[in-house]
Amino acid sequence: MLCIALIFGLTSCNQQNNGEAQIELIEKYIDAVEAKDVNIMSEMLADDYMGYGPSHNDSINKENAVAMWERNATELYEKIEYKKSRNMMVNVPDGENAGDWVSNWAIMEITYKDGSGPIQAWANTTYLIRNEKITKTFTFYNEADILEQLGYVFVDVDDLYE
């Protein structure tokens, strides 16, 4: 019984440490986003990385994601800050999405180089981690809310022709 208890305890500690390592990886990635450090972000993405969202049909591979972040960091964003950022890790043991998943919930505050903003958006990104790299992400935020904060007005096209 003592041996079984010892094995269970060591296994539990190992799983907990793995979860902590995965969360630390995502926190390091978020730090790189806030610092607009595209090189560190690129190093943390697997070569076969795929990102999905925020819209249903949005997807991006590593090469395009790095290029987009480089453009955003140099031309679009003055400052990006994760506020009230929280992470949780879960392991999916089998199937197409097997691996360690870390979900990050945060209020993102973004100030733009043209002086727009700051805007605040609830954002959720879920990261799949394999071999100490981010291999897949799903990102969700309300694009319409961000556009409204930037001064855009939504109109019903039918109302324009009445």
Protein backbone atom coordinates (compact mmCIF):
# COMPACT_ATOMS: atom_id res chain seq x y z
CA MET A 1 0.00 0.00 0.00
CA LEU A 2 2.85 2.35 0.85
CA CYS A 3 4.44 1.78 -2.58
CA ILE A 4 1.13 2.45 -4.35
CA ALA A 5 0.64 5.65 -2.37
CA LEU A 6 4.21 6.74 -3.20
CA ILE A 7 3.74 6.07 -6.92
CA PHE A 8 0.42 7.95 -6.93
CA GLY A 9 2.01 10.88 -5.11
CA LEU A 10 4.96 11.08 -7.50
CA THR A 11 2.67 10.88 -10.52
CA SER A 12 0.46 13.66 -9.13
CA CYS A 13 3.50 15.87 -8.49
CA ASN A 14 4.77 15.24 -12.02
CA GLN A 15 1.40 16.17 -13.56
CA GLN A 16 1.24 19.32 -11.43
CA ASN A 17 4.77 20.33 -12.45
CA ASN A 18 3.92 19.73 -16.12
CA GLY A 19 0.90 22.00 -15.76
CA GLU A 20 3.01 24.68 -14.15
CA ALA A 21 5.59 24.43 -16.95
CA GLN A 22 2.87 24.77 -19.61
CA ILE A 23 1.36 27.81 -17.89
CA GLU A 24 4.83 29.37 -17.54
CA LEU A 25 5.36 28.86 -21.28
CA ILE A 26 2.14 30.74 -22.05
CA GLU A 27 2.99 33.50 -19.57
CA LYS A 28 6.35 33.91 -21.33
CA TYR A 29 4.53 34.08 -24.67
CA ILE A 30 2.13 36.73 -23.31
CA ASP A 31 5.13 38.71 -22.00
CA ALA A 32 6.58 38.59 -25.55
CA VAL A 33 3.26 39.84 -26.99
CA GLU A 34 3.21 42.75 -24.52
CA ALA A 35 6.86 43.53 -25.33
CA LYS A 36 6.06 43.19 -29.05
CA ASP A 37 9.04 40.81 -29.28
CA VAL A 38 8.29 38.96 -32.50
CA ASN A 39 11.52 36.92 -32.32
CA ILE A 40 10.60 35.30 -29.00
CA MET A 41 7.03 34.76 -30.18
CA SER A 42 8.34 33.02 -33.31
CA GLU A 43 10.69 30.79 -31.29
CA MET A 44 7.77 29.64 -29.14
CA LEU A 45 5.58 28.59 -32.08
CA ALA A 46 6.01 25.12 -33.57
CA ASP A 47 6.91 24.98 -37.26
CA ASP A 48 3.49 23.43 -38.00
CA TYR A 49 1.64 26.03 -35.86
CA MET A 50 -1.92 26.92 -36.84
CA GLY A 51 -4.00 29.69 -35.27
CA TYR A 52 -7.78 29.95 -35.53
CA GLY A 53 -10.16 32.83 -34.82
CA PRO A 54 -11.58 35.16 -33.85
CA SER A 55 -14.02 34.60 -36.72
CA HIS A 56 -15.17 31.14 -37.74
CA ASN A 57 -13.23 31.04 -41.01
CA ASP A 58 -10.04 32.73 -39.75
CA SER A 59 -6.86 30.64 -39.77
CA ILE A 60 -3.17 31.45 -39.98
CA ASN A 61 0.08 29.46 -40.13
CA LYS A 62 3.34 30.30 -38.37
CA GLU A 63 4.92 32.21 -41.26
CA ASN A 64 1.89 34.46 -41.73
CA ALA A 65 1.29 34.85 -37.98
CA VAL A 66 4.86 36.06 -37.42
CA ALA A 67 4.61 38.45 -40.40
CA MET A 68 1.28 39.80 -39.11
CA TRP A 69 2.64 40.33 -35.58
CA GLU A 70 5.75 42.02 -36.96
CA ARG A 71 3.60 44.44 -38.97
CA ASN A 72 1.26 45.07 -36.03
CA ALA A 73 4.19 45.63 -33.63
CA THR A 74 5.92 48.13 -35.89
CA GLU A 75 2.99 49.87 -37.60
CA LEU A 76 -0.22 49.42 -35.62
CA TYR A 77 0.16 48.91 -31.87
CA GLU A 78 1.73 51.42 -29.52
CA LYS A 79 1.03 49.30 -26.45
CA ILE A 80 -0.59 45.95 -25.65
CA GLU A 81 -1.36 45.02 -22.07
CA TYR A 82 -3.02 41.93 -20.62
CA LYS A 83 -5.04 42.89 -17.55
CA LYS A 84 -6.66 40.45 -15.14
CA SER A 85 -4.92 37.68 -17.09
CA ARG A 86 -5.69 34.16 -15.82
CA ASN A 87 -4.52 30.76 -17.06
CA MET A 88 -5.75 27.21 -16.65
CA MET A 89 -4.24 23.97 -18.00
CA VAL A 90 -5.96 20.74 -18.94
CA ASN A 91 -4.58 17.62 -20.57
CA VAL A 92 -6.56 15.98 -23.37
CA PRO A 93 -5.31 12.36 -23.33
CA ASP A 94 -6.25 11.23 -26.85
CA GLY A 95 -7.76 12.14 -30.17
CA GLU A 96 -6.96 14.77 -32.76
CA ASN A 97 -6.45 17.45 -30.11
CA ALA A 98 -4.48 15.35 -27.63
CA GLY A 99 -1.98 17.29 -25.57
CA ASP A 100 -1.71 19.98 -22.95
CA TRP A 101 -4.06 22.92 -23.41
CA VAL A 102 -3.65 26.22 -21.59
CA SER A 103 -6.54 28.65 -21.70
CA ASN A 104 -5.88 32.33 -21.06
CA TRP A 105 -8.67 34.77 -20.18
CA ALA A 106 -7.78 38.43 -20.06
CA ILE A 107 -8.86 41.97 -20.65
CA MET A 108 -6.58 43.20 -23.40
CA GLU A 109 -5.93 46.91 -23.50
CA ILE A 110 -4.53 48.16 -26.78
CA THR A 111 -3.32 51.65 -27.67
CA TYR A 112 -2.69 52.34 -31.33
CA LYS A 113 0.20 54.27 -32.87
CA ASP A 114 -2.23 56.68 -34.53
CA GLY A 115 -3.48 57.73 -31.09
CA SER A 116 -6.66 55.64 -31.22
CA GLY A 117 -7.83 53.93 -28.09
CA PRO A 118 -7.04 52.62 -25.75
CA ILE A 119 -9.61 49.91 -26.29
CA GLN A 120 -10.37 47.13 -23.86
CA ALA A 121 -11.53 43.73 -25.04
CA TRP A 122 -12.34 40.50 -23.25
CA ALA A 123 -10.12 37.95 -24.95
CA ASN A 124 -9.75 34.20 -24.62
CA THR A 125 -6.97 32.25 -26.28
CA THR A 126 -6.58 28.52 -25.86
CA TYR A 127 -3.11 27.15 -26.64
CA LEU A 128 -2.19 23.55 -27.52
CA ILE A 129 1.32 22.75 -26.36
CA ARG A 130 3.35 19.83 -27.67
CA ASN A 131 7.10 19.35 -27.26
CA GLU A 132 7.37 22.67 -25.37
CA LYS A 133 6.03 24.64 -28.36
CA ILE A 134 2.68 26.24 -29.13
CA THR A 135 1.22 24.17 -31.96
CA LYS A 136 -2.35 25.45 -32.17
CA THR A 137 -4.39 28.36 -30.84
CA PHE A 138 -8.05 29.28 -30.79
CA THR A 139 -8.66 32.98 -30.10
CA PHE A 140 -12.01 34.58 -29.29
CA TYR A 141 -12.88 38.26 -28.86
CA ASN A 142 -15.67 40.57 -29.93
CA GLU A 143 -14.46 42.38 -33.04
CA ALA A 144 -17.58 44.58 -33.18
CA ASP A 145 -16.98 45.80 -29.62
CA ILE A 146 -13.43 46.84 -30.55
CA LEU A 147 -14.62 48.67 -33.68
CA GLU A 148 -17.28 50.54 -31.67
CA GLN A 149 -14.65 51.62 -29.16
CA LEU A 150 -12.63 52.97 -32.09
CA GLY A 151 -15.61 55.07 -33.22
CA TYR A 152 -17.09 52.91 -35.96
CA VAL A 153 -20.87 53.01 -36.26
CA PHE A 154 -22.88 50.02 -37.41
CA VAL A 155 -25.85 50.67 -39.63
CA ASP A 156 -28.40 48.42 -41.24
CA VAL A 157 -27.80 48.65 -44.99
CA ASP A 158 -31.56 48.42 -45.60
CA ASP A 159 -32.03 51.63 -43.57
CA LEU A 160 -29.77 53.50 -46.02
CA TYR A 161 -32.17 52.93 -48.90
CA GLU A 162 -35.49 53.72 -47.23
